[in-house]
Amino acid sequence: MKLALLLFLLAADQLPEAPGKATFVKVCSTCHGPEAVTGMGHDRAGWKDLVSDMVDKGAVANEKQVSEIVDYLVRAFPKKPR
């Protein structure tokens, strides 16, 4: 098992529970740990742009998975008010 995947899976236990978490872990753990996004807070458009950028860079996700990941990130890591 790749080290990045192992570290991501260990950290995944600390991620908020919400629909789409499993898809987020499955797709995103192939390249980086969850800390790459957990400190961020975006609105839906911001998360969509970020996930689309990752797909453009090689993340393997179909449209349904992208939607599930974006929905999860919006719920779990919303944009923080200023």
PDB file of N, CA and C in Angstrom:
ATOM      1  N   MET A   1       0.853  -1.177   0.000  1.00  0.00           N
ATOM      2  CA  MET A   1       0.000   0.000   0.000  1.00  0.00           C
ATOM      3  C   MET A   1       0.900   1.242   0.000  1.00  0.00           C
ATOM      4  N   LYS A   2       0.561   2.185  -0.825  1.00  0.00           N
ATOM      5  CA  LYS A   2       1.348   3.401  -0.891  1.00  0.00           C
ATOM      6  C   LYS A   2       1.269   4.138   0.439  1.00  0.00           C
ATOM      7  N   LEU A   3       2.374   4.773   0.820  1.00  0.00           N
ATOM      8  CA  LEU A   3       2.436   5.496   2.082  1.00  0.00           C
ATOM      9  C   LEU A   3       1.385   6.602   2.142  1.00  0.00           C
ATOM     10  N   ALA A   4       1.190   7.341   1.048  1.00  0.00           N
ATOM     11  CA  ALA A   4       0.198   8.425   1.042  1.00  0.00           C
ATOM     12  C   ALA A   4      -1.195   7.879   1.334  1.00  0.00           C
ATOM     13  N   LEU A   5      -1.525   6.735   0.743  1.00  0.00           N
ATOM     14  CA  LEU A   5      -2.836   6.131   0.976  1.00  0.00           C
ATOM     15  C   LEU A   5      -2.972   5.705   2.425  1.00  0.00           C
ATOM     16  N   LEU A   6      -1.952   5.081   2.971  1.00  0.00           N
ATOM     17  CA  LEU A   6      -1.997   4.639   4.356  1.00  0.00           C
ATOM     18  C   LEU A   6      -2.182   5.823   5.301  1.00  0.00           C
ATOM     19  N   LEU A   7      -1.421   6.876   5.096  1.00  0.00           N
ATOM     20  CA  LEU A   7      -1.547   8.059   5.944  1.00  0.00           C
ATOM     21  C   LEU A   7      -2.925   8.698   5.803  1.00  0.00           C
ATOM     22  N   PHE A   8      -3.442   8.737   4.578  1.00  0.00           N
ATOM     23  CA  PHE A   8      -4.763   9.313   4.344  1.00  0.00           C
ATOM     24  C   PHE A   8      -5.818   8.496   5.082  1.00  0.00           C
ATOM     25  N   LEU A   9      -5.734   7.188   4.991  1.00  0.00           N
ATOM     26  CA  LEU A   9      -6.727   6.333   5.637  1.00  0.00           C
ATOM     27  C   LEU A   9      -6.682   6.468   7.154  1.00  0.00           C
ATOM     28  N   LEU A  10      -5.486   6.617   7.699  1.00  0.00           N
ATOM     29  CA  LEU A  10      -5.364   6.822   9.138  1.00  0.00           C
ATOM     30  C   LEU A  10      -6.002   8.146   9.553  1.00  0.00           C
ATOM     31  N   ALA A  11      -5.776   9.179   8.772  1.00  0.00           N
ATOM     32  CA  ALA A  11      -6.343  10.493   9.072  1.00  0.00           C
ATOM     33  C   ALA A  11      -7.839  10.550   8.770  1.00  0.00           C
ATOM     34  N   ALA A  12      -8.325   9.690   7.911  1.00  0.00           N
ATOM     35  CA  ALA A  12      -9.733   9.715   7.506  1.00  0.00           C
ATOM     36  C   ALA A  12     -10.666   9.483   8.684  1.00  0.00           C
ATOM     37  N   ASP A  13     -10.213   8.766   9.699  1.00  0.00           N
ATOM     38  CA  ASP A  13     -11.043   8.540  10.877  1.00  0.00           C
ATOM     39  C   ASP A  13     -11.403   9.849  11.565  1.00  0.00           C
ATOM     40  N   GLN A  14     -10.593  10.876  11.367  1.00  0.00           N
ATOM     41  CA  GLN A  14     -10.824  12.157  12.011  1.00  0.00           C
ATOM     42  C   GLN A  14     -11.628  13.118  11.137  1.00  0.00           C
ATOM     43  N   LEU A  15     -11.924  12.716   9.916  1.00  0.00           N
ATOM     44  CA  LEU A  15     -12.723  13.555   9.031  1.00  0.00           C
ATOM     45  C   LEU A  15     -14.182  13.526   9.458  1.00  0.00           C
ATOM     46  N   PRO A  16     -14.907  14.624   9.280  1.00  0.00           N
ATOM     47  CA  PRO A  16     -16.330  14.633   9.622  1.00  0.00           C
ATOM     48  C   PRO A  16     -17.105  13.590   8.812  1.00  0.00           C
ATOM     49  N   GLU A  17     -18.064  12.958   9.469  1.00  0.00           N
ATOM     50  CA  GLU A  17     -18.935  12.006   8.792  1.00  0.00           C
ATOM     51  C   GLU A  17     -19.997  12.775   8.012  1.00  0.00           C
ATOM     52  N   ALA A  18     -20.139  12.454   6.765  1.00  0.00           N
ATOM     53  CA  ALA A  18     -21.170  13.041   5.908  1.00  0.00           C
ATOM     54  C   ALA A  18     -21.187  12.238   4.613  1.00  0.00           C
ATOM     55  N   PRO A  19     -22.319  12.261   3.898  1.00  0.00           N
ATOM     56  CA  PRO A  19     -22.353  11.576   2.605  1.00  0.00           C
ATOM     57  C   PRO A  19     -21.235  12.090   1.705  1.00  0.00           C
ATOM     58  N   GLY A  20     -20.568  11.177   1.037  1.00  0.00           N
ATOM     59  CA  GLY A  20     -19.480  11.534   0.135  1.00  0.00           C
ATOM     60  C   GLY A  20     -18.104  11.359   0.736  1.00  0.00           C
ATOM     61  N   LYS A  21     -18.031  11.117   2.049  1.00  0.00           N
ATOM     62  CA  LYS A  21     -16.725  10.958   2.695  1.00  0.00           C
ATOM     63  C   LYS A  21     -15.935   9.796   2.079  1.00  0.00           C
ATOM     64  N   ALA A  22     -16.594   8.671   1.874  1.00  0.00           N
ATOM     65  CA  ALA A  22     -15.901   7.501   1.324  1.00  0.00           C
ATOM     66  C   ALA A  22     -15.362   7.788  -0.074  1.00  0.00           C
ATOM     67  N   THR A  23     -16.113   8.514  -0.867  1.00  0.00           N
ATOM     68  CA  THR A  23     -15.656   8.864  -2.218  1.00  0.00           C
ATOM     69  C   THR A  23     -14.474   9.817  -2.130  1.00  0.00           C
ATOM     70  N   PHE A  24     -14.557  10.797  -1.250  1.00  0.00           N
ATOM     71  CA  PHE A  24     -13.447  11.732  -1.032  1.00  0.00           C
ATOM     72  C   PHE A  24     -12.182  10.968  -0.653  1.00  0.00           C
ATOM     73  N   VAL A  25     -12.290  10.062   0.297  1.00  0.00           N
ATOM     74  CA  VAL A  25     -11.127   9.288   0.743  1.00  0.00           C
ATOM     75  C   VAL A  25     -10.587   8.436  -0.396  1.00  0.00           C
ATOM     76  N   LYS A  26     -11.472   7.749  -1.100  1.00  0.00           N
ATOM     77  CA  LYS A  26     -11.045   6.851  -2.180  1.00  0.00           C
ATOM     78  C   LYS A  26     -10.315   7.598  -3.294  1.00  0.00           C
ATOM     79  N   VAL A  27     -10.884   8.689  -3.754  1.00  0.00           N
ATOM     80  CA  VAL A  27     -10.329   9.402  -4.905  1.00  0.00           C
ATOM     81  C   VAL A  27      -9.119  10.251  -4.521  1.00  0.00           C
ATOM     82  N   CYS A  28      -9.236  10.972  -3.432  1.00  0.00           N
ATOM     83  CA  CYS A  28      -8.213  11.967  -3.111  1.00  0.00           C
ATOM     84  C   CYS A  28      -6.984  11.374  -2.426  1.00  0.00           C
ATOM     85  N   SER A  29      -7.136  10.207  -1.814  1.00  0.00           N
ATOM     86  CA  SER A  29      -6.010   9.623  -1.091  1.00  0.00           C
ATOM     87  C   SER A  29      -4.910   9.101  -2.007  1.00  0.00           C
ATOM     88  N   THR A  30      -5.176   9.006  -3.284  1.00  0.00           N
ATOM     89  CA  THR A  30      -4.144   8.494  -4.184  1.00  0.00           C
ATOM     90  C   THR A  30      -3.018   9.507  -4.400  1.00  0.00           C
ATOM     91  N   CYS A  31      -3.275  10.782  -4.081  1.00  0.00           N
ATOM     92  CA  CYS A  31      -2.259  11.813  -4.340  1.00  0.00           C
ATOM     93  C   CYS A  31      -1.799  12.579  -3.108  1.00  0.00           C
ATOM     94  N   HIS A  32      -2.654  12.723  -2.105  1.00  0.00           N
ATOM     95  CA  HIS A  32      -2.272  13.538  -0.947  1.00  0.00           C
ATOM     96  C   HIS A  32      -3.100  13.165   0.261  1.00  0.00           C
ATOM     97  N   GLY A  33      -2.688  13.672   1.399  1.00  0.00           N
ATOM     98  CA  GLY A  33      -3.425  13.453   2.634  1.00  0.00           C
ATOM     99  C   GLY A  33      -4.562  14.441   2.773  1.00  0.00           C
ATOM    100  N   PRO A  34      -5.476  14.180   3.701  1.00  0.00           N
ATOM    101  CA  PRO A  34      -6.633  15.058   3.872  1.00  0.00           C
ATOM    102  C   PRO A  34      -6.263  16.454   4.353  1.00  0.00           C
ATOM    103  N   GLU A  35      -5.120  16.588   5.002  1.00  0.00           N
ATOM    104  CA  GLU A  35      -4.712  17.904   5.487  1.00  0.00           C
ATOM    105  C   GLU A  35      -4.505  18.897   4.347  1.00  0.00           C
ATOM    106  N   ALA A  36      -4.392  18.401   3.137  1.00  0.00           N
ATOM    107  CA  ALA A  36      -4.246  19.281   1.977  1.00  0.00           C
ATOM    108  C   ALA A  36      -5.496  20.132   1.764  1.00  0.00           C
ATOM    109  N   VAL A  37      -6.634  19.685   2.274  1.00  0.00           N
ATOM    110  CA  VAL A  37      -7.870  20.448   2.085  1.00  0.00           C
ATOM    111  C   VAL A  37      -8.593  20.795   3.365  1.00  0.00           C
ATOM    112  N   THR A  38      -8.341  20.072   4.443  1.00  0.00           N
ATOM    113  CA  THR A  38      -9.132  20.267   5.649  1.00  0.00           C
ATOM    114  C   THR A  38      -8.960  21.651   6.268  1.00  0.00           C
ATOM    115  N   GLY A  39      -7.861  22.306   6.025  1.00  0.00           N
ATOM    116  CA  GLY A  39      -7.658  23.651   6.554  1.00  0.00           C
ATOM    117  C   GLY A  39      -8.280  24.729   5.689  1.00  0.00           C
ATOM    118  N   MET A  40      -8.734  24.339   4.522  1.00  0.00           N
ATOM    119  CA  MET A  40      -9.343  25.296   3.606  1.00  0.00           C
ATOM    120  C   MET A  40     -10.830  25.403   3.905  1.00  0.00           C
ATOM    121  N   GLY A  41     -11.399  26.473   3.467  1.00  0.00           N
ATOM    122  CA  GLY A  41     -12.849  26.629   3.534  1.00  0.00           C
ATOM    123  C   GLY A  41     -13.271  27.362   2.278  1.00  0.00           C
ATOM    124  N   HIS A  42     -14.094  26.730   1.495  1.00  0.00           N
ATOM    125  CA  HIS A  42     -14.560  27.343   0.251  1.00  0.00           C
ATOM    126  C   HIS A  42     -16.073  27.263   0.177  1.00  0.00           C
ATOM    127  N   ASP A  43     -16.641  28.088  -0.661  1.00  0.00           N
ATOM    128  CA  ASP A  43     -18.038  27.918  -0.996  1.00  0.00           C
ATOM    129  C   ASP A  43     -18.110  26.840  -2.075  1.00  0.00           C
ATOM    130  N   ARG A  44     -19.310  26.515  -2.529  1.00  0.00           N
ATOM    131  CA  ARG A  44     -19.475  25.444  -3.523  1.00  0.00           C
ATOM    132  C   ARG A  44     -18.626  25.697  -4.772  1.00  0.00           C
ATOM    133  N   ALA A  45     -18.643  26.930  -5.273  1.00  0.00           N
ATOM    134  CA  ALA A  45     -17.881  27.243  -6.492  1.00  0.00           C
ATOM    135  C   ALA A  45     -16.388  27.036  -6.275  1.00  0.00           C
ATOM    136  N   GLY A  46     -15.897  27.416  -5.116  1.00  0.00           N
ATOM    137  CA  GLY A  46     -14.475  27.248  -4.815  1.00  0.00           C
ATOM    138  C   GLY A  46     -14.070  25.791  -4.734  1.00  0.00           C
ATOM    139  N   TRP A  47     -14.894  24.979  -4.055  1.00  0.00           N
ATOM    140  CA  TRP A  47     -14.594  23.547  -3.975  1.00  0.00           C
ATOM    141  C   TRP A  47     -14.692  22.893  -5.351  1.00  0.00           C
ATOM    142  N   LYS A  48     -15.680  23.291  -6.129  1.00  0.00           N
ATOM    143  CA  LYS A  48     -15.838  22.730  -7.483  1.00  0.00           C
ATOM    144  C   LYS A  48     -14.609  23.049  -8.320  1.00  0.00           C
ATOM    145  N   ASP A  49     -14.130  24.284  -8.247  1.00  0.00           N
ATOM    146  CA  ASP A  49     -12.930  24.672  -8.993  1.00  0.00           C
ATOM    147  C   ASP A  49     -11.719  23.854  -8.549  1.00  0.00           C
ATOM    148  N   LEU A  50     -11.564  23.674  -7.244  1.00  0.00           N
ATOM    149  CA  LEU A  50     -10.417  22.931  -6.729  1.00  0.00           C
ATOM    150  C   LEU A  50     -10.465  21.463  -7.169  1.00  0.00           C
ATOM    151  N   VAL A  51     -11.631  20.846  -7.035  1.00  0.00           N
ATOM    152  CA  VAL A  51     -11.758  19.433  -7.425  1.00  0.00           C
ATOM    153  C   VAL A  51     -11.574  19.285  -8.939  1.00  0.00           C
ATOM    154  N   SER A  52     -12.124  20.195  -9.714  1.00  0.00           N
ATOM    155  CA  SER A  52     -11.946  20.151 -11.173  1.00  0.00           C
ATOM    156  C   SER A  52     -10.473  20.296 -11.543  1.00  0.00           C
ATOM    157  N   ASP A  53      -9.767  21.154 -10.821  1.00  0.00           N
ATOM    158  CA  ASP A  53      -8.332  21.330 -11.060  1.00  0.00           C
ATOM    159  C   ASP A  53      -7.581  20.029 -10.768  1.00  0.00           C
ATOM    160  N   MET A  54      -7.965  19.330  -9.714  1.00  0.00           N
ATOM    161  CA  MET A  54      -7.306  18.059  -9.376  1.00  0.00           C
ATOM    162  C   MET A  54      -7.574  17.009 -10.460  1.00  0.00           C
ATOM    163  N   VAL A  55      -8.796  16.994 -10.985  1.00  0.00           N
ATOM    164  CA  VAL A  55      -9.118  16.063 -12.071  1.00  0.00           C
ATOM    165  C   VAL A  55      -8.286  16.424 -13.306  1.00  0.00           C
ATOM    166  N   ASP A  56      -8.159  17.711 -13.588  1.00  0.00           N
ATOM    167  CA  ASP A  56      -7.335  18.142 -14.726  1.00  0.00           C
ATOM    168  C   ASP A  56      -5.879  17.723 -14.557  1.00  0.00           C
ATOM    169  N   LYS A  57      -5.434  17.627 -13.307  1.00  0.00           N
ATOM    170  CA  LYS A  57      -4.048  17.248 -13.016  1.00  0.00           C
ATOM    171  C   LYS A  57      -3.868  15.737 -12.913  1.00  0.00           C
ATOM    172  N   GLY A  58      -4.962  14.971 -13.093  1.00  0.00           N
ATOM    173  CA  GLY A  58      -4.813  13.528 -13.133  1.00  0.00           C
ATOM    174  C   GLY A  58      -5.621  12.725 -12.133  1.00  0.00           C
ATOM    175  N   ALA A  59      -6.327  13.377 -11.220  1.00  0.00           N
ATOM    176  CA  ALA A  59      -7.173  12.606 -10.306  1.00  0.00           C
ATOM    177  C   ALA A  59      -8.234  11.867 -11.124  1.00  0.00           C
ATOM    178  N   VAL A  60      -8.468  10.634 -10.773  1.00  0.00           N
ATOM    179  CA  VAL A  60      -9.414   9.814 -11.521  1.00  0.00           C
ATOM    180  C   VAL A  60     -10.757   9.816 -10.797  1.00  0.00           C
ATOM    181  N   ALA A  61     -11.724  10.542 -11.383  1.00  0.00           N
ATOM    182  CA  ALA A  61     -13.067  10.617 -10.814  1.00  0.00           C
ATOM    183  C   ALA A  61     -14.052  10.912 -11.931  1.00  0.00           C
ATOM    184  N   ASN A  62     -15.172  10.201 -11.897  1.00  0.00           N
ATOM    185  CA  ASN A  62     -16.221  10.479 -12.869  1.00  0.00           C
ATOM    186  C   ASN A  62     -17.073  11.646 -12.358  1.00  0.00           C
ATOM    187  N   GLU A  63     -18.044  12.074 -13.155  1.00  0.00           N
ATOM    188  CA  GLU A  63     -18.868  13.233 -12.784  1.00  0.00           C
ATOM    189  C   GLU A  63     -19.620  13.015 -11.473  1.00  0.00           C
ATOM    190  N   LYS A  64     -20.141  11.814 -11.276  1.00  0.00           N
ATOM    191  CA  LYS A  64     -20.866  11.510 -10.041  1.00  0.00           C
ATOM    192  C   LYS A  64     -19.932  11.613  -8.839  1.00  0.00           C
ATOM    193  N   GLN A  65     -18.737  11.077  -8.967  1.00  0.00           N
ATOM    194  CA  GLN A  65     -17.777  11.145  -7.864  1.00  0.00           C
ATOM    195  C   GLN A  65     -17.363  12.585  -7.582  1.00  0.00           C
ATOM    196  N   VAL A  66     -17.141  13.366  -8.622  1.00  0.00           N
ATOM    197  CA  VAL A  66     -16.782  14.772  -8.435  1.00  0.00           C
ATOM    198  C   VAL A  66     -17.895  15.480  -7.665  1.00  0.00           C
ATOM    199  N   SER A  67     -19.126  15.233  -8.041  1.00  0.00           N
ATOM    200  CA  SER A  67     -20.267  15.846  -7.373  1.00  0.00           C
ATOM    201  C   SER A  67     -20.335  15.426  -5.906  1.00  0.00           C
ATOM    202  N   GLU A  68     -20.116  14.147  -5.629  1.00  0.00           N
ATOM    203  CA  GLU A  68     -20.135  13.647  -4.249  1.00  0.00           C
ATOM    204  C   GLU A  68     -19.021  14.296  -3.427  1.00  0.00           C
ATOM    205  N   ILE A  69     -17.846  14.417  -4.013  1.00  0.00           N
ATOM    206  CA  ILE A  69     -16.710  15.021  -3.308  1.00  0.00           C
ATOM    207  C   ILE A  69     -16.989  16.493  -3.013  1.00  0.00           C
ATOM    208  N   VAL A  70     -17.469  17.209  -4.001  1.00  0.00           N
ATOM    209  CA  VAL A  70     -17.778  18.632  -3.804  1.00  0.00           C
ATOM    210  C   VAL A  70     -18.844  18.782  -2.731  1.00  0.00           C
ATOM    211  N   ASP A  71     -19.897  17.988  -2.790  1.00  0.00           N
ATOM    212  CA  ASP A  71     -20.956  18.051  -1.778  1.00  0.00           C
ATOM    213  C   ASP A  71     -20.388  17.789  -0.381  1.00  0.00           C
ATOM    214  N   TYR A  72     -19.514  16.795  -0.281  1.00  0.00           N
ATOM    215  CA  TYR A  72     -18.899  16.470   1.013  1.00  0.00           C
ATOM    216  C   TYR A  72     -18.072  17.645   1.524  1.00  0.00           C
ATOM    217  N   LEU A  73     -17.245  18.191   0.663  1.00  0.00           N
ATOM    218  CA  LEU A  73     -16.373  19.286   1.087  1.00  0.00           C
ATOM    219  C   LEU A  73     -17.172  20.522   1.491  1.00  0.00           C
ATOM    220  N   VAL A  74     -18.246  20.809   0.776  1.00  0.00           N
ATOM    221  CA  VAL A  74     -19.103  21.957   1.121  1.00  0.00           C
ATOM    222  C   VAL A  74     -19.689  21.762   2.527  1.00  0.00           C
ATOM    223  N   ARG A  75     -20.143  20.537   2.811  1.00  0.00           N
ATOM    224  CA  ARG A  75     -20.737  20.254   4.120  1.00  0.00           C
ATOM    225  C   ARG A  75     -19.685  20.219   5.229  1.00  0.00           C
ATOM    226  N   ALA A  76     -18.586  19.532   4.964  1.00  0.00           N
ATOM    227  CA  ALA A  76     -17.583  19.282   6.006  1.00  0.00           C
ATOM    228  C   ALA A  76     -16.640  20.457   6.239  1.00  0.00           C
ATOM    229  N   PHE A  77     -16.359  21.223   5.203  1.00  0.00           N
ATOM    230  CA  PHE A  77     -15.383  22.308   5.305  1.00  0.00           C
ATOM    231  C   PHE A  77     -15.918  23.566   4.608  1.00  0.00           C
ATOM    232  N   PRO A  78     -16.982  24.149   5.166  1.00  0.00           N
ATOM    233  CA  PRO A  78     -17.597  25.327   4.544  1.00  0.00           C
ATOM    234  C   PRO A  78     -16.686  26.537   4.623  1.00  0.00           C
ATOM    235  N   LYS A  79     -17.001  27.509   3.788  1.00  0.00           N
ATOM    236  CA  LYS A  79     -16.286  28.778   3.809  1.00  0.00           C
ATOM    237  C   LYS A  79     -16.561  29.447   5.151  1.00  0.00           C
ATOM    238  N   LYS A  80     -15.496  29.905   5.770  1.00  0.00           N
ATOM    239  CA  LYS A  80     -15.639  30.551   7.080  1.00  0.00           C
ATOM    240  C   LYS A  80     -15.949  32.022   6.890  1.00  0.00           C
ATOM    241  N   PRO A  81     -16.895  32.525   7.680  1.00  0.00           N
ATOM    242  CA  PRO A  81     -17.206  33.958   7.564  1.00  0.00           C
ATOM    243  C   PRO A  81     -16.008  34.804   7.993  1.00  0.00           C
ATOM    244  N   ARG A  82     -15.892  35.941   7.377  1.00  0.00           N
ATOM    245  CA  ARG A  82     -14.765  36.823   7.715  1.00  0.00           C
ATOM    246  C   ARG A  82     -15.098  37.686   8.884  1.00  0.00           C
TER     247      ARG A  82
END
